[in-house]
């Protein structure tokens, strides 16, 4: 949650140190400009899209409407708020719905209403991409290993916590479908 604050602080301190070491040949502002030129991580949703394409019972995670092979892959926690392509964060969505949601966080009420769909997609993704899903699970939950049972319940509670903490720390707009 504090990653962006820590990152900004490190950039500033590094720029100050570099300016000191260079004895003024490099200014703090020049160094900050160089240090913040980062390559933005890509919205890599290809693996999730491939899994969802194979499904016959595909529906929009947020509206429940049936989807054809034309669909968007939505970052439940928007990429703009959390650059996270973890499989637990990627769901099939109708293009119209995804465009309506954009960079808003789904409301807690919406996530609760769509709980069964979310769990269904997690199960399918886990089955198809077991290793990556387990790695993503461990990274978000902090567990040392993925439990063989009841992982859905635990991941869902962590997912809700991440949604709510993101809403508070980033002052994110909410979307209720």
N, C-alpha and C. Protein backbone atom coordinates (compact mmCIF):
# COMPACT_ATOMS: atom_id res chain seq x y z
N UNK A 1 0.81 -1.19 0.00
CA UNK A 1 0.00 0.00 0.00
C UNK A 1 0.86 1.27 0.00
N UNK A 2 2.00 1.20 0.60
CA UNK A 2 2.85 2.38 0.69
C UNK A 2 3.93 2.40 -0.38
N UNK A 3 3.84 1.50 -1.32
CA UNK A 3 4.87 1.38 -2.34
C UNK A 3 5.16 2.67 -3.08
N UNK A 4 4.12 3.40 -3.47
CA UNK A 4 4.35 4.63 -4.22
C UNK A 4 5.02 5.70 -3.36
N UNK A 5 4.72 5.75 -2.07
CA UNK A 5 5.36 6.72 -1.17
C UNK A 5 6.84 6.37 -0.99
N UNK A 6 7.10 5.10 -0.77
CA UNK A 6 8.48 4.65 -0.60
C UNK A 6 9.27 4.90 -1.87
N UNK A 7 8.67 4.57 -3.02
CA UNK A 7 9.33 4.78 -4.29
C UNK A 7 9.67 6.25 -4.51
N UNK A 8 8.70 7.14 -4.25
CA UNK A 8 8.94 8.58 -4.42
C UNK A 8 10.04 9.07 -3.49
N UNK A 9 10.04 8.59 -2.26
CA UNK A 9 11.05 8.98 -1.29
C UNK A 9 12.44 8.52 -1.73
N UNK A 10 12.54 7.30 -2.21
CA UNK A 10 13.83 6.78 -2.68
C UNK A 10 14.35 7.58 -3.87
N UNK A 11 13.45 7.91 -4.80
CA UNK A 11 13.86 8.70 -5.96
C UNK A 11 14.42 10.05 -5.51
N UNK A 12 13.71 10.70 -4.60
CA UNK A 12 14.15 12.02 -4.13
C UNK A 12 15.50 11.94 -3.41
N UNK A 13 15.65 10.96 -2.53
CA UNK A 13 16.91 10.82 -1.79
C UNK A 13 18.06 10.47 -2.75
N UNK A 14 17.82 9.62 -3.72
CA UNK A 14 18.85 9.26 -4.68
C UNK A 14 19.27 10.48 -5.50
N UNK A 15 18.29 11.28 -5.90
CA UNK A 15 18.58 12.49 -6.67
C UNK A 15 19.41 13.46 -5.84
N UNK A 16 19.06 13.62 -4.57
CA UNK A 16 19.81 14.51 -3.68
C UNK A 16 21.25 14.01 -3.51
N UNK A 17 21.40 12.71 -3.29
CA UNK A 17 22.72 12.12 -3.12
C UNK A 17 23.57 12.30 -4.38
N UNK A 18 22.97 12.06 -5.54
CA UNK A 18 23.69 12.21 -6.80
C UNK A 18 24.12 13.66 -7.00
N UNK A 19 23.24 14.60 -6.69
CA UNK A 19 23.59 16.02 -6.81
C UNK A 19 24.75 16.37 -5.88
N UNK A 20 24.73 15.83 -4.66
CA UNK A 20 25.82 16.07 -3.71
C UNK A 20 27.13 15.49 -4.22
N UNK A 21 27.10 14.25 -4.67
CA UNK A 21 28.31 13.57 -5.14
C UNK A 21 28.90 14.27 -6.36
N UNK A 22 28.02 14.77 -7.24
CA UNK A 22 28.50 15.42 -8.47
C UNK A 22 28.96 16.86 -8.23
N UNK A 23 28.83 17.31 -6.99
CA UNK A 23 29.23 18.67 -6.60
C UNK A 23 28.56 19.73 -7.48
N UNK A 24 27.26 19.49 -7.74
CA UNK A 24 26.48 20.48 -8.47
C UNK A 24 26.46 20.35 -9.97
N UNK A 25 27.25 19.40 -10.52
CA UNK A 25 27.24 19.23 -11.98
C UNK A 25 25.92 18.65 -12.46
N UNK A 26 25.27 17.89 -11.62
CA UNK A 26 23.95 17.34 -11.92
C UNK A 26 23.00 17.89 -10.86
N UNK A 27 21.94 18.55 -11.31
CA UNK A 27 21.00 19.12 -10.35
C UNK A 27 20.02 18.04 -9.88
N UNK A 28 19.40 18.32 -8.75
CA UNK A 28 18.40 17.39 -8.22
C UNK A 28 17.27 17.21 -9.23
N UNK A 29 16.82 18.29 -9.84
CA UNK A 29 15.71 18.19 -10.80
C UNK A 29 16.09 17.36 -12.03
N UNK A 30 17.34 17.50 -12.50
CA UNK A 30 17.79 16.68 -13.63
C UNK A 30 17.77 15.20 -13.26
N UNK A 31 18.25 14.92 -12.07
CA UNK A 31 18.32 13.53 -11.64
C UNK A 31 16.92 12.95 -11.43
N UNK A 32 16.03 13.72 -10.83
CA UNK A 32 14.65 13.24 -10.64
C UNK A 32 14.03 12.92 -12.00
N UNK A 33 14.23 13.81 -12.96
CA UNK A 33 13.68 13.59 -14.30
C UNK A 33 14.20 12.28 -14.90
N UNK A 34 15.49 12.02 -14.73
CA UNK A 34 16.06 10.78 -15.24
C UNK A 34 15.53 9.55 -14.49
N UNK A 35 15.40 9.68 -13.18
CA UNK A 35 14.99 8.54 -12.37
C UNK A 35 13.51 8.16 -12.56
N UNK A 36 12.69 9.12 -12.89
CA UNK A 36 11.26 8.78 -13.03
C UNK A 36 10.88 8.34 -14.43
N UNK A 37 11.86 8.32 -15.33
CA UNK A 37 11.60 7.82 -16.67
C UNK A 37 11.58 6.30 -16.62
N UNK A 38 10.48 5.77 -16.18
CA UNK A 38 10.38 4.32 -16.09
C UNK A 38 9.49 3.80 -17.20
N UNK A 39 9.76 2.61 -17.59
CA UNK A 39 8.92 1.95 -18.56
C UNK A 39 7.69 1.46 -17.82
N UNK A 40 6.54 1.90 -18.27
CA UNK A 40 5.30 1.48 -17.63
C UNK A 40 5.05 0.00 -17.91
N UNK A 41 4.69 -0.75 -16.88
CA UNK A 41 4.36 -2.14 -17.14
C UNK A 41 3.15 -2.23 -18.06
N UNK A 42 3.15 -3.20 -18.88
CA UNK A 42 2.07 -3.36 -19.85
C UNK A 42 0.86 -4.02 -19.21
N UNK A 43 -0.28 -3.75 -19.77
CA UNK A 43 -1.51 -4.42 -19.35
C UNK A 43 -1.51 -5.80 -20.01
N UNK A 44 -0.80 -6.71 -19.37
CA UNK A 44 -0.63 -8.04 -19.93
C UNK A 44 -1.76 -8.95 -19.48
N UNK A 45 -2.75 -9.09 -20.35
CA UNK A 45 -3.92 -9.89 -20.01
C UNK A 45 -4.06 -11.10 -20.93
N UNK A 46 -3.04 -11.35 -21.74
CA UNK A 46 -3.12 -12.42 -22.75
C UNK A 46 -3.41 -13.80 -22.19
N UNK A 47 -2.75 -14.19 -21.09
CA UNK A 47 -2.97 -15.52 -20.53
C UNK A 47 -4.42 -15.68 -20.07
N UNK A 48 -4.93 -14.66 -19.39
CA UNK A 48 -6.31 -14.72 -18.91
C UNK A 48 -7.27 -14.77 -20.10
N UNK A 49 -7.02 -13.95 -21.11
CA UNK A 49 -7.88 -13.93 -22.30
C UNK A 49 -7.92 -15.32 -22.96
N UNK A 50 -6.77 -15.96 -23.06
CA UNK A 50 -6.71 -17.29 -23.68
C UNK A 50 -7.56 -18.31 -22.91
N UNK A 51 -7.52 -18.25 -21.59
CA UNK A 51 -8.32 -19.16 -20.77
C UNK A 51 -9.80 -18.87 -20.98
N UNK A 52 -10.16 -17.59 -20.92
CA UNK A 52 -11.58 -17.22 -21.04
C UNK A 52 -12.13 -17.53 -22.43
N UNK A 53 -11.30 -17.42 -23.47
CA UNK A 53 -11.74 -17.73 -24.84
C UNK A 53 -12.21 -19.18 -24.98
N UNK A 54 -11.61 -20.07 -24.21
CA UNK A 54 -11.94 -21.50 -24.29
C UNK A 54 -13.26 -21.84 -23.60
N UNK A 55 -13.79 -20.92 -22.82
CA UNK A 55 -14.99 -21.21 -22.01
C UNK A 55 -16.26 -21.08 -22.84
N UNK A 56 -17.17 -22.03 -22.65
CA UNK A 56 -18.46 -22.00 -23.33
C UNK A 56 -19.49 -21.18 -22.55
N UNK A 57 -19.31 -21.07 -21.25
CA UNK A 57 -20.28 -20.39 -20.39
C UNK A 57 -19.82 -19.00 -19.98
N UNK A 58 -19.17 -18.29 -20.89
CA UNK A 58 -18.56 -17.01 -20.58
C UNK A 58 -19.64 -15.94 -20.39
N UNK A 59 -19.52 -15.22 -19.26
CA UNK A 59 -20.41 -14.10 -19.01
C UNK A 59 -19.62 -12.96 -18.40
N UNK A 60 -20.14 -11.76 -18.51
CA UNK A 60 -19.50 -10.59 -17.94
C UNK A 60 -19.48 -10.73 -16.43
N UNK A 61 -18.32 -10.58 -15.85
CA UNK A 61 -18.17 -10.76 -14.41
C UNK A 61 -19.03 -9.76 -13.64
N UNK A 62 -19.24 -8.56 -14.20
CA UNK A 62 -19.96 -7.52 -13.46
C UNK A 62 -21.45 -7.48 -13.74
N UNK A 63 -21.87 -7.80 -14.96
CA UNK A 63 -23.30 -7.70 -15.29
C UNK A 63 -23.99 -9.05 -15.40
N UNK A 64 -23.22 -10.10 -15.62
CA UNK A 64 -23.80 -11.43 -15.78
C UNK A 64 -24.32 -11.69 -17.19
N UNK A 65 -24.16 -10.74 -18.10
CA UNK A 65 -24.64 -10.94 -19.47
C UNK A 65 -23.72 -11.91 -20.20
N UNK A 66 -24.33 -12.71 -21.04
CA UNK A 66 -23.59 -13.70 -21.81
C UNK A 66 -22.64 -13.00 -22.78
N UNK A 67 -21.44 -13.56 -22.91
CA UNK A 67 -20.43 -12.99 -23.80
C UNK A 67 -20.12 -13.96 -24.92
N UNK A 68 -19.92 -13.40 -26.10
CA UNK A 68 -19.44 -14.21 -27.21
C UNK A 68 -17.92 -14.27 -27.10
N UNK A 69 -17.27 -14.55 -28.16
CA UNK A 69 -15.81 -14.58 -28.13
C UNK A 69 -15.22 -13.17 -28.16
N UNK A 70 -16.08 -12.14 -28.30
CA UNK A 70 -15.64 -10.75 -28.23
C UNK A 70 -15.89 -10.24 -26.82
N UNK A 71 -14.83 -9.96 -26.09
CA UNK A 71 -14.96 -9.46 -24.72
C UNK A 71 -13.67 -8.75 -24.33
N UNK A 72 -13.77 -7.95 -23.29
CA UNK A 72 -12.60 -7.31 -22.72
C UNK A 72 -12.14 -8.11 -21.51
N UNK A 73 -10.89 -7.97 -21.15
CA UNK A 73 -10.39 -8.51 -19.89
C UNK A 73 -10.22 -7.31 -18.97
N UNK A 74 -10.99 -7.29 -17.91
CA UNK A 74 -11.01 -6.16 -16.99
C UNK A 74 -10.10 -6.40 -15.80
N UNK A 75 -9.38 -5.37 -15.42
CA UNK A 75 -8.64 -5.37 -14.15
C UNK A 75 -9.65 -4.94 -13.09
N UNK A 76 -10.06 -5.85 -12.23
CA UNK A 76 -11.03 -5.51 -11.19
C UNK A 76 -10.53 -4.31 -10.40
N UNK A 77 -9.30 -4.38 -9.95
CA UNK A 77 -8.64 -3.22 -9.36
C UNK A 77 -7.90 -2.58 -10.53
N UNK A 78 -8.37 -1.43 -10.98
CA UNK A 78 -7.86 -0.85 -12.22
C UNK A 78 -6.34 -0.76 -12.28
N UNK A 79 -5.85 -1.00 -13.47
CA UNK A 79 -4.42 -0.95 -13.74
C UNK A 79 -3.86 0.43 -13.38
N UNK A 80 -4.64 1.47 -13.58
CA UNK A 80 -4.20 2.83 -13.27
C UNK A 80 -3.96 3.02 -11.77
N UNK A 81 -4.65 2.24 -10.95
CA UNK A 81 -4.51 2.35 -9.50
C UNK A 81 -3.48 1.38 -8.93
N UNK A 82 -3.36 0.25 -9.58
CA UNK A 82 -2.45 -0.79 -9.09
C UNK A 82 -1.96 -1.56 -10.32
N UNK A 83 -0.75 -1.33 -10.71
CA UNK A 83 -0.22 -1.99 -11.91
C UNK A 83 -0.05 -3.47 -11.62
N UNK A 84 -1.16 -4.19 -11.66
CA UNK A 84 -1.16 -5.58 -11.24
C UNK A 84 -1.92 -6.44 -12.25
N UNK A 85 -1.17 -7.27 -12.95
CA UNK A 85 -1.75 -8.20 -13.91
C UNK A 85 -1.94 -9.59 -13.30
N UNK A 86 -2.04 -9.66 -12.00
CA UNK A 86 -2.24 -10.96 -11.35
C UNK A 86 -3.55 -11.57 -11.83
N UNK A 87 -3.55 -12.88 -11.94
CA UNK A 87 -4.73 -13.58 -12.47
C UNK A 87 -5.96 -13.38 -11.62
N UNK A 88 -5.80 -13.20 -10.30
CA UNK A 88 -6.95 -12.98 -9.43
C UNK A 88 -7.61 -11.63 -9.71
N UNK A 89 -6.94 -10.76 -10.46
CA UNK A 89 -7.43 -9.41 -10.74
C UNK A 89 -8.01 -9.26 -12.15
N UNK A 90 -8.00 -10.32 -12.94
CA UNK A 90 -8.40 -10.25 -14.34
C UNK A 90 -9.67 -11.06 -14.61
N UNK A 91 -10.67 -10.39 -15.19
CA UNK A 91 -11.96 -11.04 -15.42
C UNK A 91 -12.52 -10.66 -16.78
N UNK A 92 -13.33 -11.56 -17.37
CA UNK A 92 -13.98 -11.21 -18.63
C UNK A 92 -15.10 -10.21 -18.38
N UNK A 93 -15.21 -9.24 -19.28
CA UNK A 93 -16.24 -8.21 -19.13
C UNK A 93 -16.73 -7.79 -20.51
N UNK A 94 -18.00 -7.43 -20.56
CA UNK A 94 -18.55 -6.86 -21.78
C UNK A 94 -17.84 -5.53 -22.03
N UNK A 95 -17.53 -5.24 -23.28
CA UNK A 95 -16.79 -4.01 -23.61
C UNK A 95 -17.52 -2.77 -23.09
N UNK A 96 -18.82 -2.71 -23.24
CA UNK A 96 -19.59 -1.57 -22.78
C UNK A 96 -19.45 -1.39 -21.27
N UNK A 97 -19.52 -2.51 -20.54
CA UNK A 97 -19.41 -2.47 -19.08
C UNK A 97 -17.99 -2.06 -18.67
N UNK A 98 -16.99 -2.62 -19.33
CA UNK A 98 -15.61 -2.28 -19.01
C UNK A 98 -15.35 -0.79 -19.26
N UNK A 99 -15.89 -0.26 -20.34
CA UNK A 99 -15.73 1.16 -20.63
C UNK A 99 -16.45 2.03 -19.61
N UNK A 100 -17.58 1.56 -19.14
CA UNK A 100 -18.33 2.29 -18.12
C UNK A 100 -17.56 2.29 -16.79
N UNK A 101 -16.98 1.15 -16.46
CA UNK A 101 -16.23 1.02 -15.20
C UNK A 101 -14.93 1.83 -15.26
N UNK A 102 -14.22 1.73 -16.35
CA UNK A 102 -12.94 2.39 -16.57
C UNK A 102 -11.98 2.24 -15.40
N UNK A 103 -11.58 3.35 -14.79
CA UNK A 103 -10.59 3.32 -13.71
C UNK A 103 -11.24 3.43 -12.33
N UNK A 104 -12.47 2.98 -12.25
CA UNK A 104 -13.17 3.01 -10.96
C UNK A 104 -13.05 1.62 -10.31
N UNK A 105 -13.12 1.62 -9.00
CA UNK A 105 -13.12 0.35 -8.26
C UNK A 105 -14.55 -0.15 -8.15
N UNK A 106 -14.75 -1.44 -8.32
CA UNK A 106 -16.11 -1.96 -8.08
C UNK A 106 -16.46 -1.78 -6.60
N UNK A 107 -17.72 -1.47 -6.35
CA UNK A 107 -18.16 -1.30 -4.96
C UNK A 107 -18.13 -2.65 -4.25
N UNK A 108 -18.03 -2.59 -2.94
CA UNK A 108 -18.05 -3.82 -2.14
C UNK A 108 -19.36 -4.56 -2.37
N UNK A 109 -20.46 -3.82 -2.50
CA UNK A 109 -21.76 -4.45 -2.74
C UNK A 109 -21.78 -5.20 -4.06
N UNK A 110 -21.22 -4.60 -5.10
CA UNK A 110 -21.16 -5.26 -6.41
C UNK A 110 -20.32 -6.53 -6.34
N UNK A 111 -19.17 -6.44 -5.70
CA UNK A 111 -18.28 -7.61 -5.59
C UNK A 111 -18.99 -8.73 -4.82
N UNK A 112 -19.69 -8.37 -3.78
CA UNK A 112 -20.46 -9.39 -3.03
C UNK A 112 -21.55 -10.01 -3.91
N UNK A 113 -22.26 -9.17 -4.66
CA UNK A 113 -23.33 -9.69 -5.55
C UNK A 113 -22.76 -10.64 -6.60
N UNK A 114 -21.55 -10.36 -7.05
CA UNK A 114 -20.94 -11.14 -8.14
C UNK A 114 -19.92 -12.16 -7.62
N UNK A 115 -19.97 -12.43 -6.34
CA UNK A 115 -19.03 -13.36 -5.69
C UNK A 115 -18.95 -14.71 -6.41
N UNK A 116 -20.07 -15.31 -6.72
CA UNK A 116 -20.07 -16.63 -7.37
C UNK A 116 -19.36 -16.59 -8.72
N UNK A 117 -19.59 -15.53 -9.49
CA UNK A 117 -18.92 -15.41 -10.79
C UNK A 117 -17.41 -15.24 -10.59
N UNK A 118 -17.02 -14.42 -9.64
CA UNK A 118 -15.60 -14.20 -9.36
C UNK A 118 -14.93 -15.52 -8.97
N UNK A 119 -15.55 -16.25 -8.06
CA UNK A 119 -14.98 -17.53 -7.63
C UNK A 119 -14.91 -18.52 -8.79
N UNK A 120 -15.94 -18.52 -9.63
CA UNK A 120 -15.97 -19.40 -10.81
C UNK A 120 -14.78 -19.11 -11.72
N UNK A 121 -14.53 -17.83 -11.98
CA UNK A 121 -13.41 -17.48 -12.86
C UNK A 121 -12.07 -17.79 -12.22
N UNK A 122 -11.96 -17.58 -10.92
CA UNK A 122 -10.71 -17.95 -10.25
C UNK A 122 -10.46 -19.45 -10.37
N UNK A 123 -11.49 -20.23 -10.19
CA UNK A 123 -11.34 -21.69 -10.30
C UNK A 123 -10.88 -22.10 -11.70
N UNK A 124 -11.47 -21.50 -12.72
CA UNK A 124 -11.09 -21.82 -14.10
C UNK A 124 -9.64 -21.40 -14.39
N UNK A 125 -9.29 -20.21 -13.96
CA UNK A 125 -7.92 -19.72 -14.18
C UNK A 125 -6.92 -20.59 -13.42
N UNK A 126 -7.26 -20.94 -12.20
CA UNK A 126 -6.38 -21.78 -11.38
C UNK A 126 -6.17 -23.14 -12.05
N UNK A 127 -7.21 -23.70 -12.60
CA UNK A 127 -7.13 -25.00 -13.27
C UNK A 127 -6.22 -24.94 -14.50
N UNK A 128 -6.34 -23.87 -15.26
CA UNK A 128 -5.58 -23.74 -16.51
C UNK A 128 -4.15 -23.25 -16.30
N UNK A 129 -3.96 -22.37 -15.33
CA UNK A 129 -2.65 -21.74 -15.11
C UNK A 129 -2.24 -21.89 -13.65
N UNK A 130 -2.16 -23.13 -13.22
CA UNK A 130 -1.97 -23.46 -11.81
C UNK A 130 -0.76 -22.76 -11.17
N UNK A 131 0.38 -22.88 -11.80
CA UNK A 131 1.60 -22.30 -11.22
C UNK A 131 1.55 -20.80 -11.09
N UNK A 132 1.12 -20.13 -12.15
CA UNK A 132 1.05 -18.66 -12.11
C UNK A 132 -0.01 -18.20 -11.11
N UNK A 133 -1.17 -18.89 -11.10
CA UNK A 133 -2.22 -18.49 -10.16
C UNK A 133 -1.72 -18.64 -8.72
N UNK A 134 -1.05 -19.75 -8.45
CA UNK A 134 -0.52 -19.98 -7.10
C UNK A 134 0.48 -18.90 -6.73
N UNK A 135 1.35 -18.54 -7.65
CA UNK A 135 2.33 -17.49 -7.40
C UNK A 135 1.64 -16.15 -7.11
N UNK A 136 0.64 -15.82 -7.91
CA UNK A 136 -0.12 -14.58 -7.70
C UNK A 136 -0.84 -14.61 -6.36
N UNK A 137 -1.39 -15.78 -6.01
CA UNK A 137 -2.09 -15.95 -4.73
C UNK A 137 -1.12 -15.70 -3.57
N UNK A 138 0.05 -16.31 -3.63
CA UNK A 138 1.03 -16.17 -2.55
C UNK A 138 1.50 -14.73 -2.40
N UNK A 139 1.67 -14.05 -3.54
CA UNK A 139 2.15 -12.68 -3.50
C UNK A 139 1.12 -11.74 -2.84
N UNK A 140 -0.17 -11.94 -3.11
CA UNK A 140 -1.18 -11.04 -2.55
C UNK A 140 -1.55 -11.41 -1.11
N UNK A 141 -1.50 -12.70 -0.78
CA UNK A 141 -1.92 -13.12 0.56
C UNK A 141 -0.78 -13.17 1.56
N UNK A 142 0.45 -13.31 1.07
CA UNK A 142 1.58 -13.42 1.97
C UNK A 142 1.77 -14.83 2.52
N UNK A 143 0.96 -15.78 2.06
CA UNK A 143 1.11 -17.17 2.49
C UNK A 143 2.38 -17.78 1.92
N UNK A 144 2.85 -18.82 2.58
CA UNK A 144 4.01 -19.55 2.07
C UNK A 144 3.61 -20.58 1.04
N UNK A 145 2.39 -21.08 1.14
CA UNK A 145 1.89 -22.03 0.15
C UNK A 145 0.39 -21.85 0.02
N UNK A 146 -0.13 -22.30 -1.10
CA UNK A 146 -1.56 -22.17 -1.36
C UNK A 146 -2.28 -23.34 -0.70
N UNK A 147 -3.26 -23.06 0.17
CA UNK A 147 -3.97 -24.17 0.83
C UNK A 147 -4.75 -25.00 -0.19
N UNK A 148 -4.82 -26.31 0.01
CA UNK A 148 -5.52 -27.17 -0.94
C UNK A 148 -7.04 -26.96 -0.92
N UNK A 149 -7.58 -26.49 0.19
CA UNK A 149 -9.02 -26.23 0.26
C UNK A 149 -9.26 -24.88 0.91
N UNK A 150 -10.42 -24.36 0.70
CA UNK A 150 -10.85 -23.06 1.26
C UNK A 150 -10.00 -21.88 0.81
N UNK A 151 -9.20 -22.04 -0.22
CA UNK A 151 -8.42 -20.93 -0.72
C UNK A 151 -9.32 -19.84 -1.29
N UNK A 152 -10.49 -20.24 -1.87
CA UNK A 152 -11.43 -19.28 -2.44
C UNK A 152 -11.85 -18.25 -1.39
N UNK A 153 -12.28 -18.78 -0.24
CA UNK A 153 -12.79 -17.92 0.83
C UNK A 153 -11.71 -16.94 1.30
N UNK A 154 -10.51 -17.45 1.51
CA UNK A 154 -9.43 -16.60 1.98
C UNK A 154 -9.06 -15.56 0.93
N UNK A 155 -8.91 -15.97 -0.32
CA UNK A 155 -8.55 -15.03 -1.38
C UNK A 155 -9.63 -13.97 -1.54
N UNK A 156 -10.89 -14.37 -1.43
CA UNK A 156 -11.97 -13.40 -1.57
C UNK A 156 -11.89 -12.35 -0.46
N UNK A 157 -11.60 -12.76 0.75
CA UNK A 157 -11.50 -11.79 1.85
C UNK A 157 -10.30 -10.85 1.64
N UNK A 158 -9.18 -11.38 1.16
CA UNK A 158 -8.02 -10.55 0.88
C UNK A 158 -8.33 -9.59 -0.27
N UNK A 159 -9.01 -10.10 -1.29
CA UNK A 159 -9.43 -9.29 -2.44
C UNK A 159 -10.27 -8.10 -1.97
N UNK A 160 -11.22 -8.37 -1.09
CA UNK A 160 -12.07 -7.30 -0.55
C UNK A 160 -11.24 -6.29 0.24
N UNK A 161 -10.28 -6.78 1.03
CA UNK A 161 -9.42 -5.88 1.80
C UNK A 161 -8.59 -4.99 0.88
N UNK A 162 -8.05 -5.58 -0.18
CA UNK A 162 -7.25 -4.81 -1.13
C UNK A 162 -8.11 -3.76 -1.83
N UNK A 163 -9.34 -4.15 -2.21
CA UNK A 163 -10.25 -3.19 -2.83
C UNK A 163 -10.50 -2.00 -1.90
N UNK A 164 -10.83 -2.31 -0.66
CA UNK A 164 -11.17 -1.25 0.29
C UNK A 164 -9.97 -0.39 0.63
N UNK A 165 -8.82 -1.00 0.84
CA UNK A 165 -7.63 -0.20 1.17
C UNK A 165 -7.22 0.65 -0.03
N UNK A 166 -7.38 0.15 -1.24
CA UNK A 166 -7.08 0.94 -2.43
C UNK A 166 -8.04 2.11 -2.53
N UNK A 167 -9.31 1.88 -2.23
CA UNK A 167 -10.29 2.96 -2.27
C UNK A 167 -9.91 4.09 -1.31
N UNK A 168 -9.46 3.71 -0.12
CA UNK A 168 -9.12 4.71 0.89
C UNK A 168 -7.80 5.40 0.57
N UNK A 169 -6.76 4.62 0.31
CA UNK A 169 -5.43 5.20 0.12
C UNK A 169 -5.31 5.98 -1.18
N UNK A 170 -6.06 5.60 -2.20
CA UNK A 170 -5.96 6.27 -3.49
C UNK A 170 -7.15 7.19 -3.78
N UNK A 171 -8.06 7.30 -2.82
CA UNK A 171 -9.28 8.11 -2.99
C UNK A 171 -9.97 7.78 -4.31
N UNK A 172 -10.09 6.50 -4.57
CA UNK A 172 -10.61 6.02 -5.84
C UNK A 172 -12.13 6.11 -5.89
N UNK A 173 -12.61 6.44 -7.07
CA UNK A 173 -14.06 6.45 -7.29
C UNK A 173 -14.58 5.02 -7.31
N UNK A 174 -15.80 4.82 -6.84
CA UNK A 174 -16.41 3.49 -6.81
C UNK A 174 -17.44 3.38 -7.93
N UNK A 175 -17.70 2.16 -8.33
CA UNK A 175 -18.64 1.86 -9.41
C UNK A 175 -19.52 0.72 -8.95
N UNK A 176 -20.81 0.86 -9.11
CA UNK A 176 -21.74 -0.16 -8.63
C UNK A 176 -22.44 -0.91 -9.75
N UNK A 177 -21.92 -0.81 -10.94
CA UNK A 177 -22.53 -1.56 -12.05
C UNK A 177 -23.71 -0.90 -12.53
